[in-house]
């Protein structure tokens, strides 16, 4: 499975008023998986610029670290 992190963030924020750190990704993955075999998940996003806003950057890095703890969940950071 491939997840566009930025697209997911804006869709959830606009539709439900939530931020991606409020989503339980383990529950979401199990819902999407259902009875299918899922080998791994790739979550694509871009890391924010630390110099622009260090506080938001640190929160984002903690969020990415939490995602990396999910088995077979790969965070891919692009520019």
N, C-alpha and C. Protein backbone atom coordinates (compact mmCIF):
# COMPACT_ATOMS: atom_id res chain seq x y z
N UNK A 1 0.85 -1.16 0.00
CA UNK A 1 0.00 0.00 0.00
C UNK A 1 0.90 1.23 0.00
N UNK A 2 0.48 2.25 -0.75
CA UNK A 2 1.20 3.51 -0.81
C UNK A 2 0.29 4.61 -0.28
N UNK A 3 0.79 5.42 0.64
CA UNK A 3 0.03 6.51 1.22
C UNK A 3 0.73 7.82 0.90
N UNK A 4 0.01 8.74 0.30
CA UNK A 4 0.51 10.10 0.08
C UNK A 4 0.20 10.88 1.35
N UNK A 5 1.20 11.08 2.19
CA UNK A 5 0.99 11.70 3.49
C UNK A 5 0.41 13.09 3.43
N UNK A 6 0.87 13.91 2.51
CA UNK A 6 0.36 15.28 2.39
C UNK A 6 -1.10 15.28 1.96
N UNK A 7 -1.43 14.44 0.99
CA UNK A 7 -2.81 14.35 0.52
C UNK A 7 -3.72 13.85 1.64
N UNK A 8 -3.28 12.83 2.36
CA UNK A 8 -4.07 12.32 3.48
C UNK A 8 -4.27 13.40 4.54
N UNK A 9 -3.21 14.11 4.88
CA UNK A 9 -3.29 15.17 5.89
C UNK A 9 -4.34 16.20 5.52
N UNK A 10 -4.27 16.72 4.30
CA UNK A 10 -5.20 17.77 3.89
C UNK A 10 -6.62 17.25 3.73
N UNK A 11 -6.79 16.03 3.26
CA UNK A 11 -8.12 15.45 3.11
C UNK A 11 -8.79 15.27 4.47
N UNK A 12 -8.05 14.72 5.42
CA UNK A 12 -8.61 14.49 6.75
C UNK A 12 -8.86 15.82 7.47
N UNK A 13 -7.95 16.75 7.32
CA UNK A 13 -8.11 18.06 7.95
C UNK A 13 -9.33 18.78 7.38
N UNK A 14 -9.46 18.81 6.06
CA UNK A 14 -10.58 19.51 5.43
C UNK A 14 -11.91 18.82 5.67
N UNK A 15 -11.92 17.50 5.66
CA UNK A 15 -13.18 16.75 5.79
C UNK A 15 -13.64 16.59 7.24
N UNK A 16 -12.69 16.38 8.15
CA UNK A 16 -13.06 16.04 9.52
C UNK A 16 -12.49 16.98 10.57
N UNK A 17 -11.66 17.92 10.16
CA UNK A 17 -11.06 18.84 11.12
C UNK A 17 -9.99 18.19 11.98
N UNK A 18 -9.45 17.08 11.52
CA UNK A 18 -8.42 16.36 12.27
C UNK A 18 -7.05 16.60 11.64
N UNK A 19 -6.03 16.38 12.44
CA UNK A 19 -4.65 16.40 11.94
C UNK A 19 -4.16 14.97 11.88
N UNK A 20 -3.15 14.70 11.06
CA UNK A 20 -2.71 13.32 10.88
C UNK A 20 -2.21 12.68 12.16
N UNK A 21 -1.72 13.48 13.12
CA UNK A 21 -1.27 12.88 14.37
C UNK A 21 -2.44 12.46 15.25
N UNK A 22 -3.67 12.77 14.83
CA UNK A 22 -4.86 12.33 15.55
C UNK A 22 -5.46 11.06 14.95
N UNK A 23 -4.86 10.56 13.88
CA UNK A 23 -5.33 9.35 13.23
C UNK A 23 -4.60 8.16 13.83
N UNK A 24 -5.34 7.13 14.18
CA UNK A 24 -4.73 5.89 14.64
C UNK A 24 -4.41 5.07 13.39
N UNK A 25 -3.17 5.14 12.94
CA UNK A 25 -2.79 4.49 11.69
C UNK A 25 -2.91 2.97 11.77
N UNK A 26 -2.74 2.40 12.94
CA UNK A 26 -2.90 0.94 13.07
C UNK A 26 -4.35 0.55 12.77
N UNK A 27 -5.29 1.31 13.28
CA UNK A 27 -6.71 1.05 13.01
C UNK A 27 -7.02 1.27 11.54
N UNK A 28 -6.50 2.36 10.97
CA UNK A 28 -6.72 2.65 9.56
C UNK A 28 -6.18 1.53 8.67
N UNK A 29 -4.99 1.06 8.97
CA UNK A 29 -4.38 -0.01 8.18
C UNK A 29 -5.22 -1.29 8.26
N UNK A 30 -5.65 -1.64 9.47
CA UNK A 30 -6.47 -2.84 9.62
C UNK A 30 -7.80 -2.70 8.88
N UNK A 31 -8.36 -1.51 8.88
CA UNK A 31 -9.62 -1.27 8.16
C UNK A 31 -9.40 -1.45 6.65
N UNK A 32 -8.34 -0.88 6.13
CA UNK A 32 -8.07 -0.96 4.70
C UNK A 32 -7.65 -2.37 4.28
N UNK A 33 -6.96 -3.05 5.15
CA UNK A 33 -6.46 -4.38 4.84
C UNK A 33 -7.60 -5.40 4.77
N UNK A 34 -8.49 -5.36 5.73
CA UNK A 34 -9.58 -6.34 5.87
C UNK A 34 -9.00 -7.74 5.77
N UNK A 35 -9.40 -8.50 4.79
CA UNK A 35 -8.94 -9.89 4.66
C UNK A 35 -7.80 -10.04 3.66
N UNK A 36 -7.29 -8.93 3.15
CA UNK A 36 -6.23 -9.00 2.14
C UNK A 36 -4.86 -9.15 2.77
N UNK A 37 -3.98 -9.77 2.02
CA UNK A 37 -2.59 -9.87 2.44
C UNK A 37 -1.89 -8.56 2.12
N UNK A 38 -1.31 -7.94 3.12
CA UNK A 38 -0.59 -6.69 2.90
C UNK A 38 0.84 -6.91 3.37
N UNK A 39 1.76 -6.79 2.45
CA UNK A 39 3.16 -7.05 2.76
C UNK A 39 3.78 -5.88 3.52
N UNK A 40 3.59 -4.66 3.01
CA UNK A 40 4.12 -3.49 3.69
C UNK A 40 3.40 -2.23 3.20
N UNK A 41 3.63 -1.17 3.95
CA UNK A 41 3.01 0.12 3.65
C UNK A 41 4.12 1.15 3.49
N UNK A 42 4.01 1.96 2.47
CA UNK A 42 4.95 3.05 2.24
C UNK A 42 4.19 4.36 2.40
N UNK A 43 4.66 5.18 3.33
CA UNK A 43 4.04 6.47 3.62
C UNK A 43 5.00 7.55 3.11
N UNK A 44 4.58 8.27 2.08
CA UNK A 44 5.42 9.30 1.46
C UNK A 44 5.02 10.68 1.96
N UNK A 45 6.01 11.47 2.31
CA UNK A 45 5.77 12.84 2.74
C UNK A 45 7.08 13.61 2.60
N UNK A 46 7.01 14.89 2.86
CA UNK A 46 8.21 15.73 2.85
C UNK A 46 8.41 16.30 4.25
N UNK A 47 9.63 16.29 4.69
CA UNK A 47 9.96 16.85 5.99
C UNK A 47 9.93 18.37 5.91
N UNK A 48 9.35 18.99 6.92
CA UNK A 48 9.31 20.45 6.95
C UNK A 48 10.71 21.01 7.17
N UNK A 49 10.89 22.26 6.84
CA UNK A 49 12.17 22.94 7.04
C UNK A 49 12.28 23.35 8.51
N UNK A 50 13.31 22.85 9.17
CA UNK A 50 13.51 23.15 10.60
C UNK A 50 13.66 24.65 10.84
N UNK A 51 14.31 25.34 9.93
CA UNK A 51 14.55 26.78 10.11
C UNK A 51 13.27 27.59 9.99
N UNK A 52 12.30 27.09 9.26
CA UNK A 52 11.02 27.80 9.09
C UNK A 52 10.25 27.82 10.40
N UNK A 53 10.14 26.66 11.07
CA UNK A 53 9.42 26.59 12.33
C UNK A 53 9.91 25.35 13.08
N UNK A 54 10.81 25.55 14.02
CA UNK A 54 11.44 24.43 14.73
C UNK A 54 10.43 23.61 15.53
N UNK A 55 9.42 24.27 16.11
CA UNK A 55 8.42 23.56 16.92
C UNK A 55 7.60 22.59 16.06
N UNK A 56 7.11 23.07 14.94
CA UNK A 56 6.32 22.22 14.04
C UNK A 56 7.20 21.11 13.46
N UNK A 57 8.44 21.46 13.13
CA UNK A 57 9.37 20.46 12.61
C UNK A 57 9.56 19.32 13.62
N UNK A 58 9.77 19.67 14.89
CA UNK A 58 9.97 18.66 15.93
C UNK A 58 8.73 17.79 16.11
N UNK A 59 7.55 18.38 16.06
CA UNK A 59 6.31 17.61 16.17
C UNK A 59 6.18 16.64 15.00
N UNK A 60 6.53 17.11 13.80
CA UNK A 60 6.45 16.26 12.63
C UNK A 60 7.43 15.09 12.75
N UNK A 61 8.63 15.35 13.23
CA UNK A 61 9.63 14.29 13.38
C UNK A 61 9.17 13.25 14.40
N UNK A 62 8.53 13.69 15.48
CA UNK A 62 7.98 12.75 16.47
C UNK A 62 6.88 11.90 15.83
N UNK A 63 6.05 12.53 15.00
CA UNK A 63 4.98 11.82 14.30
C UNK A 63 5.58 10.75 13.39
N UNK A 64 6.60 11.11 12.62
CA UNK A 64 7.26 10.14 11.74
C UNK A 64 7.86 8.99 12.55
N UNK A 65 8.44 9.30 13.70
CA UNK A 65 9.03 8.27 14.56
C UNK A 65 7.96 7.29 15.04
N UNK A 66 6.78 7.81 15.38
CA UNK A 66 5.67 6.94 15.79
C UNK A 66 5.25 6.02 14.65
N UNK A 67 5.17 6.57 13.44
CA UNK A 67 4.79 5.75 12.29
C UNK A 67 5.80 4.64 12.05
N UNK A 68 7.07 4.94 12.25
CA UNK A 68 8.13 3.95 12.01
C UNK A 68 8.05 2.78 12.98
N UNK A 69 7.35 2.96 14.09
CA UNK A 69 7.19 1.87 15.07
C UNK A 69 6.15 0.85 14.63
N UNK A 70 5.34 1.18 13.64
CA UNK A 70 4.32 0.26 13.15
C UNK A 70 5.03 -0.80 12.29
N UNK A 71 4.78 -2.08 12.56
CA UNK A 71 5.45 -3.13 11.78
C UNK A 71 5.16 -3.00 10.28
N UNK A 72 6.19 -3.16 9.48
CA UNK A 72 6.09 -3.14 8.01
C UNK A 72 5.60 -1.80 7.46
N UNK A 73 5.79 -0.74 8.22
CA UNK A 73 5.38 0.61 7.81
C UNK A 73 6.65 1.39 7.53
N UNK A 74 6.81 1.85 6.30
CA UNK A 74 8.03 2.55 5.88
C UNK A 74 7.71 4.01 5.59
N UNK A 75 8.39 4.90 6.28
CA UNK A 75 8.25 6.33 6.04
C UNK A 75 9.31 6.74 5.02
N UNK A 76 8.86 7.31 3.91
CA UNK A 76 9.76 7.75 2.85
C UNK A 76 9.65 9.27 2.77
N UNK A 77 10.74 9.95 3.11
CA UNK A 77 10.73 11.41 3.09
C UNK A 77 11.36 11.92 1.81
N UNK A 78 10.63 12.77 1.14
CA UNK A 78 11.06 13.35 -0.13
C UNK A 78 11.33 14.83 0.07
N UNK A 79 11.82 15.44 -0.95
CA UNK A 79 12.03 16.89 -0.93
C UNK A 79 11.08 17.56 -1.85
